[in-house]
Amino acid sequence: MSKYECIMAIVNHGYSDLVMTAATKAGARGGTVLSARGTGSKEVGEFFGIRVTPEKDIVLILVPQEIRDQTLSAINEGAGMGTKGLGIAFSLPVADVVGLGTTEETKTDPKAGE
């Protein structure tokens, strides 16, 4: 079993740097940014008092479980709903990890190290 979590942060387009700045300060090493388009009803944006912009950035960050909570908290503070990024973030458990150059790779890939 892996000891990693995948943090997904969804922010308005152009604000992925807020996510990564916060995440790296919390101990994350890097991330991957994907472009996306949000969808939802007009009433949702009006109900929450925010303007919903369809263009989004999704930032995927793989972190050790030990720093998941502090990374999520940092992202919320730096890029959450109270910022220009208007972001949300959540984490998902990761079953296995390869390619990080850690001892985890040799545990999950019997050919690693050959």
PDB file of N, CA and C in Angstrom:
ATOM      1  N   MET A   1       0.833  -1.185   0.000  1.00  0.00           N
ATOM      2  CA  MET A   1       0.000   0.000   0.000  1.00  0.00           C
ATOM      3  C   MET A   1       0.876   1.246   0.000  1.00  0.00           C
ATOM      4  N   SER A   2       0.500   2.214  -0.803  1.00  0.00           N
ATOM      5  CA  SER A   2       1.245   3.461  -0.908  1.00  0.00           C
ATOM      6  C   SER A   2       0.956   4.367   0.272  1.00  0.00           C
ATOM      7  N   LYS A   3       1.889   5.217   0.553  1.00  0.00           N
ATOM      8  CA  LYS A   3       1.722   6.184   1.635  1.00  0.00           C
ATOM      9  C   LYS A   3       1.576   7.587   1.074  1.00  0.00           C
ATOM     10  N   TYR A   4       0.924   7.688  -0.082  1.00  0.00           N
ATOM     11  CA  TYR A   4       0.764   8.968  -0.760  1.00  0.00           C
ATOM     12  C   TYR A   4      -0.706   9.314  -0.950  1.00  0.00           C
ATOM     13  N   GLU A   5      -0.968  10.601  -1.127  1.00  0.00           N
ATOM     14  CA  GLU A   5      -2.293  11.121  -1.437  1.00  0.00           C
ATOM     15  C   GLU A   5      -2.166  12.016  -2.658  1.00  0.00           C
ATOM     16  N   CYS A   6      -3.194  12.039  -3.483  1.00  0.00           N
ATOM     17  CA  CYS A   6      -3.256  12.962  -4.611  1.00  0.00           C
ATOM     18  C   CYS A   6      -4.166  14.112  -4.207  1.00  0.00           C
ATOM     19  N   ILE A   7      -3.586  15.299  -4.129  1.00  0.00           N
ATOM     20  CA  ILE A   7      -4.383  16.486  -3.848  1.00  0.00           C
ATOM     21  C   ILE A   7      -4.790  17.095  -5.176  1.00  0.00           C
ATOM     22  N   MET A   8      -6.071  17.376  -5.297  1.00  0.00           N
ATOM     23  CA  MET A   8      -6.599  18.035  -6.488  1.00  0.00           C
ATOM     24  C   MET A   8      -7.142  19.387  -6.063  1.00  0.00           C
ATOM     25  N   ALA A   9      -6.621  20.440  -6.686  1.00  0.00           N
ATOM     26  CA  ALA A   9      -7.097  21.793  -6.414  1.00  0.00           C
ATOM     27  C   ALA A   9      -7.670  22.352  -7.704  1.00  0.00           C
ATOM     28  N   ILE A  10      -8.871  22.886  -7.630  1.00  0.00           N
ATOM     29  CA  ILE A  10      -9.532  23.474  -8.788  1.00  0.00           C
ATOM     30  C   ILE A  10      -9.659  24.965  -8.529  1.00  0.00           C
ATOM     31  N   VAL A  11      -9.020  25.769  -9.397  1.00  0.00           N
ATOM     32  CA  VAL A  11      -9.022  27.220  -9.239  1.00  0.00           C
ATOM     33  C   VAL A  11      -9.376  27.883 -10.560  1.00  0.00           C
ATOM     34  N   ASN A  12      -9.716  29.158 -10.487  1.00  0.00           N
ATOM     35  CA  ASN A  12      -9.947  29.914 -11.711  1.00  0.00           C
ATOM     36  C   ASN A  12      -8.684  29.902 -12.563  1.00  0.00           C
ATOM     37  N   HIS A  13      -8.878  29.905 -13.870  1.00  0.00           N
ATOM     38  CA  HIS A  13      -7.756  29.871 -14.803  1.00  0.00           C
ATOM     39  C   HIS A  13      -6.771  31.004 -14.513  1.00  0.00           C
ATOM     40  N   GLY A  14      -5.493  30.638 -14.484  1.00  0.00           N
ATOM     41  CA  GLY A  14      -4.442  31.620 -14.255  1.00  0.00           C
ATOM     42  C   GLY A  14      -3.990  31.735 -12.814  1.00  0.00           C
ATOM     43  N   TYR A  15      -4.611  30.994 -11.916  1.00  0.00           N
ATOM     44  CA  TYR A  15      -4.273  31.094 -10.502  1.00  0.00           C
ATOM     45  C   TYR A  15      -3.621  29.824  -9.943  1.00  0.00           C
ATOM     46  N   SER A  16      -3.140  28.963 -10.809  1.00  0.00           N
ATOM     47  CA  SER A  16      -2.484  27.743 -10.337  1.00  0.00           C
ATOM     48  C   SER A  16      -1.206  28.064  -9.566  1.00  0.00           C
ATOM     49  N   ASP A  17      -0.584  29.209  -9.845  1.00  0.00           N
ATOM     50  CA  ASP A  17       0.624  29.588  -9.113  1.00  0.00           C
ATOM     51  C   ASP A  17       0.330  29.815  -7.629  1.00  0.00           C
ATOM     52  N   LEU A  18      -0.875  30.275  -7.295  1.00  0.00           N
ATOM     53  CA  LEU A  18      -1.249  30.431  -5.888  1.00  0.00           C
ATOM     54  C   LEU A  18      -1.269  29.075  -5.192  1.00  0.00           C
ATOM     55  N   VAL A  19      -1.782  28.073  -5.890  1.00  0.00           N
ATOM     56  CA  VAL A  19      -1.844  26.717  -5.330  1.00  0.00           C
ATOM     57  C   VAL A  19      -0.436  26.180  -5.099  1.00  0.00           C
ATOM     58  N   MET A  20       0.404  26.290  -6.118  1.00  0.00           N
ATOM     59  CA  MET A  20       1.749  25.714  -6.015  1.00  0.00           C
ATOM     60  C   MET A  20       2.614  26.454  -5.005  1.00  0.00           C
ATOM     61  N   THR A  21       2.472  27.751  -4.897  1.00  0.00           N
ATOM     62  CA  THR A  21       3.233  28.496  -3.889  1.00  0.00           C
ATOM     63  C   THR A  21       2.864  28.005  -2.493  1.00  0.00           C
ATOM     64  N   ALA A  22       1.571  27.872  -2.242  1.00  0.00           N
ATOM     65  CA  ALA A  22       1.106  27.400  -0.937  1.00  0.00           C
ATOM     66  C   ALA A  22       1.543  25.960  -0.684  1.00  0.00           C
ATOM     67  N   ALA A  23       1.391  25.104  -1.685  1.00  0.00           N
ATOM     68  CA  ALA A  23       1.717  23.682  -1.515  1.00  0.00           C
ATOM     69  C   ALA A  23       3.214  23.465  -1.273  1.00  0.00           C
ATOM     70  N   THR A  24       4.060  24.174  -1.988  1.00  0.00           N
ATOM     71  CA  THR A  24       5.505  23.988  -1.794  1.00  0.00           C
ATOM     72  C   THR A  24       5.942  24.495  -0.427  1.00  0.00           C
ATOM     73  N   LYS A  25       5.319  25.552   0.061  1.00  0.00           N
ATOM     74  CA  LYS A  25       5.629  26.025   1.420  1.00  0.00           C
ATOM     75  C   LYS A  25       5.251  24.983   2.459  1.00  0.00           C
ATOM     76  N   ALA A  26       4.248  24.164   2.149  1.00  0.00           N
ATOM     77  CA  ALA A  26       3.803  23.108   3.071  1.00  0.00           C
ATOM     78  C   ALA A  26       4.609  21.819   2.915  1.00  0.00           C
ATOM     79  N   GLY A  27       5.510  21.779   1.913  1.00  0.00           N
ATOM     80  CA  GLY A  27       6.358  20.604   1.755  1.00  0.00           C
ATOM     81  C   GLY A  27       6.190  19.825   0.470  1.00  0.00           C
ATOM     82  N   ALA A  28       5.230  20.182  -0.358  1.00  0.00           N
ATOM     83  CA  ALA A  28       5.054  19.486  -1.645  1.00  0.00           C
ATOM     84  C   ALA A  28       6.237  19.819  -2.554  1.00  0.00           C
ATOM     85  N   ARG A  29       6.583  18.885  -3.430  1.00  0.00           N
ATOM     86  CA  ARG A  29       7.737  19.077  -4.313  1.00  0.00           C
ATOM     87  C   ARG A  29       7.358  19.614  -5.681  1.00  0.00           C
ATOM     88  N   GLY A  30       6.151  19.402  -6.138  1.00  0.00           N
ATOM     89  CA  GLY A  30       5.745  19.870  -7.462  1.00  0.00           C
ATOM     90  C   GLY A  30       4.334  19.426  -7.764  1.00  0.00           C
ATOM     91  N   GLY A  31       3.871  19.825  -8.936  1.00  0.00           N
ATOM     92  CA  GLY A  31       2.517  19.476  -9.323  1.00  0.00           C
ATOM     93  C   GLY A  31       2.351  19.526 -10.824  1.00  0.00           C
ATOM     94  N   THR A  32       1.186  19.161 -11.283  1.00  0.00           N
ATOM     95  CA  THR A  32       0.836  19.169 -12.703  1.00  0.00           C
ATOM     96  C   THR A  32      -0.439  19.976 -12.870  1.00  0.00           C
ATOM     97  N   VAL A  33      -0.426  20.894 -13.832  1.00  0.00           N
ATOM     98  CA  VAL A  33      -1.582  21.756 -14.073  1.00  0.00           C
ATOM     99  C   VAL A  33      -2.297  21.295 -15.333  1.00  0.00           C
ATOM    100  N   LEU A  34      -3.603  21.099 -15.213  1.00  0.00           N
ATOM    101  CA  LEU A  34      -4.456  20.741 -16.341  1.00  0.00           C
ATOM    102  C   LEU A  34      -5.453  21.867 -16.576  1.00  0.00           C
ATOM    103  N   SER A  35      -5.763  22.127 -17.827  1.00  0.00           N
ATOM    104  CA  SER A  35      -6.790  23.111 -18.155  1.00  0.00           C
ATOM    105  C   SER A  35      -8.141  22.416 -18.176  1.00  0.00           C
ATOM    106  N   ALA A  36      -9.149  23.104 -17.680  1.00  0.00           N
ATOM    107  CA  ALA A  36     -10.486  22.507 -17.609  1.00  0.00           C
ATOM    108  C   ALA A  36     -11.542  23.580 -17.819  1.00  0.00           C
ATOM    109  N   ARG A  37     -12.748  23.123 -17.980  1.00  0.00           N
ATOM    110  CA  ARG A  37     -13.873  24.039 -18.138  1.00  0.00           C
ATOM    111  C   ARG A  37     -14.949  23.609 -17.145  1.00  0.00           C
ATOM    112  N   GLY A  38     -15.320  24.511 -16.266  1.00  0.00           N
ATOM    113  CA  GLY A  38     -16.334  24.217 -15.271  1.00  0.00           C
ATOM    114  C   GLY A  38     -17.727  24.348 -15.845  1.00  0.00           C
ATOM    115  N   THR A  39     -18.668  23.727 -15.198  1.00  0.00           N
ATOM    116  CA  THR A  39     -20.061  23.809 -15.611  1.00  0.00           C
ATOM    117  C   THR A  39     -20.927  23.874 -14.368  1.00  0.00           C
ATOM    118  N   GLY A  40     -22.057  24.468 -14.486  1.00  0.00           N
ATOM    119  CA  GLY A  40     -22.984  24.572 -13.364  1.00  0.00           C
ATOM    120  C   GLY A  40     -24.100  25.516 -13.725  1.00  0.00           C
ATOM    121  N   SER A  41     -25.101  25.524 -12.892  1.00  0.00           N
ATOM    122  CA  SER A  41     -26.232  26.391 -13.179  1.00  0.00           C
ATOM    123  C   SER A  41     -25.919  27.819 -12.765  1.00  0.00           C
ATOM    124  N   LYS A  42     -26.546  28.757 -13.406  1.00  0.00           N
ATOM    125  CA  LYS A  42     -26.365  30.173 -13.108  1.00  0.00           C
ATOM    126  C   LYS A  42     -26.799  30.475 -11.669  1.00  0.00           C
ATOM    127  N   GLU A  43     -27.807  29.777 -11.188  1.00  0.00           N
ATOM    128  CA  GLU A  43     -28.327  30.019  -9.850  1.00  0.00           C
ATOM    129  C   GLU A  43     -27.293  29.689  -8.764  1.00  0.00           C
ATOM    130  N   VAL A  44     -26.454  28.701  -9.006  1.00  0.00           N
ATOM    131  CA  VAL A  44     -25.446  28.325  -8.011  1.00  0.00           C
ATOM    132  C   VAL A  44     -24.497  29.491  -7.776  1.00  0.00           C
ATOM    133  N   GLY A  45     -23.998  30.084  -8.849  1.00  0.00           N
ATOM    134  CA  GLY A  45     -23.098  31.222  -8.723  1.00  0.00           C
ATOM    135  C   GLY A  45     -23.752  32.399  -8.028  1.00  0.00           C
ATOM    136  N   GLU A  46     -24.996  32.646  -8.326  1.00  0.00           N
ATOM    137  CA  GLU A  46     -25.720  33.743  -7.694  1.00  0.00           C
ATOM    138  C   GLU A  46     -26.023  33.433  -6.229  1.00  0.00           C
ATOM    139  N   PHE A  47     -26.310  32.188  -5.932  1.00  0.00           N
ATOM    140  CA  PHE A  47     -26.632  31.805  -4.555  1.00  0.00           C
ATOM    141  C   PHE A  47     -25.445  32.018  -3.629  1.00  0.00           C
ATOM    142  N   PHE A  48     -24.268  31.621  -4.061  1.00  0.00           N
ATOM    143  CA  PHE A  48     -23.080  31.754  -3.228  1.00  0.00           C
ATOM    144  C   PHE A  48     -22.455  33.145  -3.320  1.00  0.00           C
ATOM    145  N   GLY A  49     -23.034  34.022  -4.141  1.00  0.00           N
ATOM    146  CA  GLY A  49     -22.536  35.376  -4.229  1.00  0.00           C
ATOM    147  C   GLY A  49     -21.223  35.515  -4.974  1.00  0.00           C
ATOM    148  N   ILE A  50     -20.915  34.533  -5.819  1.00  0.00           N
ATOM    149  CA  ILE A  50     -19.687  34.599  -6.601  1.00  0.00           C
ATOM    150  C   ILE A  50     -20.018  34.458  -8.069  1.00  0.00           C
ATOM    151  N   ARG A  51     -19.166  34.994  -8.875  1.00  0.00           N
ATOM    152  CA  ARG A  51     -19.329  34.853 -10.320  1.00  0.00           C
ATOM    153  C   ARG A  51     -18.601  33.597 -10.764  1.00  0.00           C
ATOM    154  N   VAL A  52     -19.308  32.690 -11.388  1.00  0.00           N
ATOM    155  CA  VAL A  52     -18.714  31.433 -11.836  1.00  0.00           C
ATOM    156  C   VAL A  52     -18.071  31.652 -13.200  1.00  0.00           C
ATOM    157  N   THR A  53     -16.764  31.436 -13.271  1.00  0.00           N
ATOM    158  CA  THR A  53     -16.065  31.524 -14.553  1.00  0.00           C
ATOM    159  C   THR A  53     -15.805  30.110 -15.030  1.00  0.00           C
ATOM    160  N   PRO A  54     -16.102  29.813 -16.279  1.00  0.00           N
ATOM    161  CA  PRO A  54     -15.997  28.433 -16.747  1.00  0.00           C
ATOM    162  C   PRO A  54     -14.556  27.932 -16.907  1.00  0.00           C
ATOM    163  N   GLU A  55     -13.591  28.790 -17.197  1.00  0.00           N
ATOM    164  CA  GLU A  55     -12.215  28.337 -17.398  1.00  0.00           C
ATOM    165  C   GLU A  55     -11.568  28.070 -16.036  1.00  0.00           C
ATOM    166  N   LYS A  56     -11.035  26.881 -15.874  1.00  0.00           N
ATOM    167  CA  LYS A  56     -10.442  26.458 -14.606  1.00  0.00           C
ATOM    168  C   LYS A  56      -9.065  25.852 -14.836  1.00  0.00           C
ATOM    169  N   ASP A  57      -8.268  25.849 -13.800  1.00  0.00           N
ATOM    170  CA  ASP A  57      -7.024  25.095 -13.748  1.00  0.00           C
ATOM    171  C   ASP A  57      -7.212  24.025 -12.681  1.00  0.00           C
ATOM    172  N   ILE A  58      -6.797  22.813 -12.987  1.00  0.00           N
ATOM    173  CA  ILE A  58      -6.784  21.737 -12.004  1.00  0.00           C
ATOM    174  C   ILE A  58      -5.325  21.425 -11.720  1.00  0.00           C
ATOM    175  N   VAL A  59      -4.953  21.497 -10.458  1.00  0.00           N
ATOM    176  CA  VAL A  59      -3.579  21.222 -10.058  1.00  0.00           C
ATOM    177  C   VAL A  59      -3.567  19.885  -9.327  1.00  0.00           C
ATOM    178  N   LEU A  60      -2.785  18.939  -9.850  1.00  0.00           N
ATOM    179  CA  LEU A  60      -2.622  17.623  -9.234  1.00  0.00           C
ATOM    180  C   LEU A  60      -1.285  17.612  -8.500  1.00  0.00           C
ATOM    181  N   ILE A  61      -1.315  17.261  -7.227  1.00  0.00           N
ATOM    182  CA  ILE A  61      -0.105  17.250  -6.407  1.00  0.00           C
ATOM    183  C   ILE A  61      -0.054  15.942  -5.639  1.00  0.00           C
ATOM    184  N   LEU A  62       1.020  15.206  -5.806  1.00  0.00           N
ATOM    185  CA  LEU A  62       1.217  13.952  -5.074  1.00  0.00           C
ATOM    186  C   LEU A  62       2.052  14.259  -3.840  1.00  0.00           C
ATOM    187  N   VAL A  63       1.510  13.955  -2.667  1.00  0.00           N
ATOM    188  CA  VAL A  63       2.217  14.241  -1.421  1.00  0.00           C
ATOM    189  C   VAL A  63       2.194  13.023  -0.505  1.00  0.00           C
ATOM    190  N   PRO A  64       3.200  12.902   0.369  1.00  0.00           N
ATOM    191  CA  PRO A  64       3.135  11.863   1.397  1.00  0.00           C
ATOM    192  C   PRO A  64       1.937  12.130   2.323  1.00  0.00           C
ATOM    193  N   GLN A  65       1.329  11.074   2.822  1.00  0.00           N
ATOM    194  CA  GLN A  65       0.167  11.229   3.701  1.00  0.00           C
ATOM    195  C   GLN A  65       0.452  12.139   4.889  1.00  0.00           C
ATOM    196  N   GLU A  66       1.689  12.124   5.365  1.00  0.00           N
ATOM    197  CA  GLU A  66       2.052  12.900   6.550  1.00  0.00           C
ATOM    198  C   GLU A  66       1.869  14.401   6.362  1.00  0.00           C
ATOM    199  N   ILE A  67       1.945  14.896   5.124  1.00  0.00           N
ATOM    200  CA  ILE A  67       1.802  16.340   4.916  1.00  0.00           C
ATOM    201  C   ILE A  67       0.507  16.707   4.185  1.00  0.00           C
ATOM    202  N   ARG A  68      -0.381  15.754   4.029  1.00  0.00           N
ATOM    203  CA  ARG A  68      -1.649  16.014   3.336  1.00  0.00           C
ATOM    204  C   ARG A  68      -2.449  17.133   3.989  1.00  0.00           C
ATOM    205  N   ASP A  69      -2.689  17.030   5.282  1.00  0.00           N
ATOM    206  CA  ASP A  69      -3.538  18.008   5.964  1.00  0.00           C
ATOM    207  C   ASP A  69      -2.937  19.408   5.927  1.00  0.00           C
ATOM    208  N   GLN A  70      -1.640  19.517   6.180  1.00  0.00           N
ATOM    209  CA  GLN A  70      -1.014  20.843   6.165  1.00  0.00           C
ATOM    210  C   GLN A  70      -0.981  21.412   4.751  1.00  0.00           C
ATOM    211  N   THR A  71      -0.861  20.548   3.736  1.00  0.00           N
ATOM    212  CA  THR A  71      -0.869  21.024   2.350  1.00  0.00           C
ATOM    213  C   THR A  71      -2.260  21.509   1.963  1.00  0.00           C
ATOM    214  N   LEU A  72      -3.297  20.756   2.300  1.00  0.00           N
ATOM    215  CA  LEU A  72      -4.670  21.187   2.023  1.00  0.00           C
ATOM    216  C   LEU A  72      -4.980  22.505   2.723  1.00  0.00           C
ATOM    217  N   SER A  73      -4.565  22.631   3.965  1.00  0.00           N
ATOM    218  CA  SER A  73      -4.799  23.860   4.719  1.00  0.00           C
ATOM    219  C   SER A  73      -4.078  25.041   4.076  1.00  0.00           C
ATOM    220  N   ALA A  74      -2.842  24.830   3.642  1.00  0.00           N
ATOM    221  CA  ALA A  74      -2.075  25.899   2.997  1.00  0.00           C
ATOM    222  C   ALA A  74      -2.710  26.313   1.674  1.00  0.00           C
ATOM    223  N   ILE A  75      -3.185  25.341   0.906  1.00  0.00           N
ATOM    224  CA  ILE A  75      -3.851  25.647  -0.365  1.00  0.00           C
ATOM    225  C   ILE A  75      -5.126  26.439  -0.109  1.00  0.00           C
ATOM    226  N   ASN A  76      -5.892  26.047   0.884  1.00  0.00           N
ATOM    227  CA  ASN A  76      -7.117  26.767   1.215  1.00  0.00           C
ATOM    228  C   ASN A  76      -6.815  28.214   1.598  1.00  0.00           C
ATOM    229  N   GLU A  77      -5.773  28.405   2.359  1.00  0.00           N
ATOM    230  CA  GLU A  77      -5.398  29.758   2.782  1.00  0.00           C
ATOM    231  C   GLU A  77      -4.880  30.591   1.611  1.00  0.00           C
ATOM    232  N   GLY A  78      -4.077  29.976   0.742  1.00  0.00           N
ATOM    233  CA  GLY A  78      -3.444  30.724  -0.344  1.00  0.00           C
ATOM    234  C   GLY A  78      -4.258  30.849  -1.615  1.00  0.00           C
ATOM    235  N   ALA A  79      -5.167  29.895  -1.857  1.00  0.00           N
ATOM    236  CA  ALA A  79      -5.895  29.885  -3.127  1.00  0.00           C
ATOM    237  C   ALA A  79      -7.361  29.505  -2.968  1.00  0.00           C
ATOM    238  N   GLY A  80      -7.861  29.515  -1.751  1.00  0.00           N
ATOM    239  CA  GLY A  80      -9.232  29.076  -1.486  1.00  0.00           C
ATOM    240  C   GLY A  80     -10.289  30.091  -1.878  1.00  0.00           C
ATOM    241  N   MET A  81     -11.494  29.863  -1.407  1.00  0.00           N
ATOM    242  CA  MET A  81     -12.641  30.689  -1.780  1.00  0.00           C
ATOM    243  C   MET A  81     -12.486  32.150  -1.370  1.00  0.00           C
ATOM    244  N   GLY A  82     -11.662  32.431  -0.383  1.00  0.00           N
ATOM    245  CA  GLY A  82     -11.449  33.808   0.060  1.00  0.00           C
ATOM    246  C   GLY A  82     -10.355  34.530  -0.698  1.00  0.00           C
ATOM    247  N   THR A  83      -9.870  33.948  -1.796  1.00  0.00           N
ATOM    248  CA  THR A  83      -8.796  34.548  -2.591  1.00  0.00           C
ATOM    249  C   THR A  83      -9.261  34.760  -4.020  1.00  0.00           C
ATOM    250  N   LYS A  84      -8.394  35.351  -4.842  1.00  0.00           N
ATOM    251  CA  LYS A  84      -8.705  35.543  -6.258  1.00  0.00           C
ATOM    252  C   LYS A  84      -8.839  34.216  -7.008  1.00  0.00           C
ATOM    253  N   GLY A  85      -8.195  33.174  -6.498  1.00  0.00           N
ATOM    254  CA  GLY A  85      -8.273  31.871  -7.148  1.00  0.00           C
ATOM    255  C   GLY A  85      -9.632  31.203  -7.010  1.00  0.00           C
ATOM    256  N   LEU A  86     -10.388  31.569  -5.969  1.00  0.00           N
ATOM    257  CA  LEU A  86     -11.703  30.974  -5.686  1.00  0.00           C
ATOM    258  C   LEU A  86     -11.661  29.456  -5.792  1.00  0.00           C
ATOM    259  N   GLY A  87     -10.654  28.853  -5.155  1.00  0.00           N
ATOM    260  CA  GLY A  87     -10.418  27.430  -5.326  1.00  0.00           C
ATOM    261  C   GLY A  87     -11.011  26.535  -4.268  1.00  0.00           C
ATOM    262  N   ILE A  88     -11.146  25.283  -4.668  1.00  0.00           N
ATOM    263  CA  ILE A  88     -11.489  24.204  -3.739  1.00  0.00           C
ATOM    264  C   ILE A  88     -10.407  23.143  -3.894  1.00  0.00           C
ATOM    265  N   ALA A  89     -10.190  22.366  -2.858  1.00  0.00           N
ATOM    266  CA  ALA A  89      -9.188  21.304  -2.914  1.00  0.00           C
ATOM    267  C   ALA A  89      -9.676  20.107  -2.120  1.00  0.00           C
ATOM    268  N   PHE A  90      -9.249  18.934  -2.559  1.00  0.00           N
ATOM    269  CA  PHE A  90      -9.575  17.704  -1.849  1.00  0.00           C
ATOM    270  C   PHE A  90      -8.477  16.699  -2.147  1.00  0.00           C
ATOM    271  N   SER A  91      -8.466  15.619  -1.404  1.00  0.00           N
ATOM    272  CA  SER A  91      -7.446  14.596  -1.626  1.00  0.00           C
ATOM    273  C   SER A  91      -8.095  13.238  -1.860  1.00  0.00           C
ATOM    274  N   LEU A  92      -7.360  12.407  -2.575  1.00  0.00           N
ATOM    275  CA  LEU A  92      -7.769  11.041  -2.851  1.00  0.00           C
ATOM    276  C   LEU A  92      -6.609  10.114  -2.506  1.00  0.00           C
ATOM    277  N   PRO A  93      -6.890   8.952  -1.931  1.00  0.00           N
ATOM    278  CA  PRO A  93      -5.804   8.014  -1.641  1.00  0.00           C
ATOM    279  C   PRO A  93      -5.206   7.464  -2.934  1.00  0.00           C
ATOM    280  N   VAL A  94      -3.922   7.199  -2.909  1.00  0.00           N
ATOM    281  CA  VAL A  94      -3.207   6.647  -4.060  1.00  0.00           C
ATOM    282  C   VAL A  94      -2.780   5.222  -3.699  1.00  0.00           C
ATOM    283  N   ALA A  95      -3.131   4.267  -4.541  1.00  0.00           N
ATOM    284  CA  ALA A  95      -2.835   2.863  -4.256  1.00  0.00           C
ATOM    285  C   ALA A  95      -1.350   2.551  -4.389  1.00  0.00           C
ATOM    286  N   ASP A  96      -0.724   2.972  -5.474  1.00  0.00           N
ATOM    287  CA  ASP A  96       0.683   2.681  -5.719  1.00  0.00           C
ATOM    288  C   ASP A  96       1.348   3.868  -6.388  1.00  0.00           C
ATOM    289  N   VAL A  97       2.652   3.965  -6.219  1.00  0.00           N
ATOM    290  CA  VAL A  97       3.433   5.038  -6.835  1.00  0.00           C
ATOM    291  C   VAL A  97       4.695   4.444  -7.432  1.00  0.00           C
ATOM    292  N   VAL A  98       5.001   4.818  -8.659  1.00  0.00           N
ATOM    293  CA  VAL A  98       6.274   4.479  -9.287  1.00  0.00           C
ATOM    294  C   VAL A  98       6.807   5.733  -9.966  1.00  0.00           C
ATOM    295  N   GLY A  99       8.103   5.787 -10.173  1.00  0.00           N
ATOM    296  CA  GLY A  99       8.694   6.878 -10.916  1.00  0.00           C
ATOM    297  C   GLY A  99       9.135   8.069 -10.094  1.00  0.00           C
ATOM    298  N   LEU A 100       9.028   7.989  -8.787  1.00  0.00           N
ATOM    299  CA  LEU A 100       9.461   9.104  -7.955  1.00  0.00           C
ATOM    300  C   LEU A 100      10.924   8.991  -7.549  1.00  0.00           C
ATOM    301  N   GLY A 101      11.537   7.851  -7.823  1.00  0.00           N
ATOM    302  CA  GLY A 101      12.927   7.666  -7.412  1.00  0.00           C
ATOM    303  C   GLY A 101      13.059   7.464  -5.920  1.00  0.00           C
ATOM    304  N   THR A 102      12.033   6.927  -5.292  1.00  0.00           N
ATOM    305  CA  THR A 102      12.059   6.676  -3.850  1.00  0.00           C
ATOM    306  C   THR A 102      12.113   5.179  -3.609  1.00  0.00           C
ATOM    307  N   THR A 103      12.259   4.789  -2.375  1.00  0.00           N
ATOM    308  CA  THR A 103      12.247   3.368  -2.041  1.00  0.00           C
ATOM    309  C   THR A 103      10.884   2.759  -2.321  1.00  0.00           C
ATOM    310  N   GLU A 104       9.850   3.584  -2.368  1.00  0.00           N
ATOM    311  CA  GLU A 104       8.498   3.097  -2.681  1.00  0.00           C
ATOM    312  C   GLU A 104       8.476   2.439  -4.053  1.00  0.00           C
ATOM    313  N   GLU A 105       9.274   2.982  -4.997  1.00  0.00           N
ATOM    314  CA  GLU A 105       9.308   2.443  -6.355  1.00  0.00           C
ATOM    315  C   GLU A 105       9.832   1.014  -6.355  1.00  0.00           C
ATOM    316  N   THR A 106      10.868   0.745  -5.597  1.00  0.00           N
ATOM    317  CA  THR A 106      11.439  -0.599  -5.600  1.00  0.00           C
ATOM    318  C   THR A 106      10.515  -1.601  -4.920  1.00  0.00           C
ATOM    319  N   LYS A 107       9.671  -1.140  -4.007  1.00  0.00           N
ATOM    320  CA  LYS A 107       8.714  -2.037  -3.363  1.00  0.00           C
ATOM    321  C   LYS A 107       7.604  -2.460  -4.314  1.00  0.00           C
ATOM    322  N   THR A 108       7.177  -1.560  -5.211  1.00  0.00           N
ATOM    323  CA  THR A 108       6.043  -1.856  -6.068  1.00  0.00           C
ATOM    324  C   THR A 108       6.445  -2.369  -7.428  1.00  0.00           C
ATOM    325  N   ASP A 109       7.711  -2.211  -7.839  1.00  0.00           N
ATOM    326  CA  ASP A 109       8.163  -2.652  -9.148  1.00  0.00           C
ATOM    327  C   ASP A 109       9.323  -3.631  -8.967  1.00  0.00           C
ATOM    328  N   PRO A 110       9.086  -4.930  -9.142  1.00  0.00           N
ATOM    329  CA  PRO A 110      10.137  -5.918  -8.902  1.00  0.00           C
ATOM    330  C   PRO A 110      11.327  -5.770  -9.854  1.00  0.00           C
ATOM    331  N   LYS A 111      11.147  -5.077 -10.992  1.00  0.00           N
ATOM    332  CA  LYS A 111      12.242  -4.875 -11.940  1.00  0.00           C
ATOM    333  C   LYS A 111      13.067  -3.633 -11.636  1.00  0.00           C
ATOM    334  N   ALA A 112      12.605  -2.793 -10.699  1.00  0.00           N
ATOM    335  CA  ALA A 112      13.346  -1.574 -10.359  1.00  0.00           C
ATOM    336  C   ALA A 112      14.703  -1.956  -9.780  1.00  0.00           C
ATOM    337  N   GLY A 113      15.704  -1.239 -10.162  1.00  0.00           N
ATOM    338  CA  GLY A 113      17.041  -1.488  -9.657  1.00  0.00           C
ATOM    339  C   GLY A 113      17.838  -2.453 -10.504  1.00  0.00           C
ATOM    340  N   GLU A 114      17.261  -3.032 -11.570  1.00  0.00           N
ATOM    341  CA  GLU A 114      18.001  -3.961 -12.423  1.00  0.00           C
ATOM    342  C   GLU A 114      18.875  -3.208 -13.385  1.00  0.00           C
TER     343      GLU A 114
END
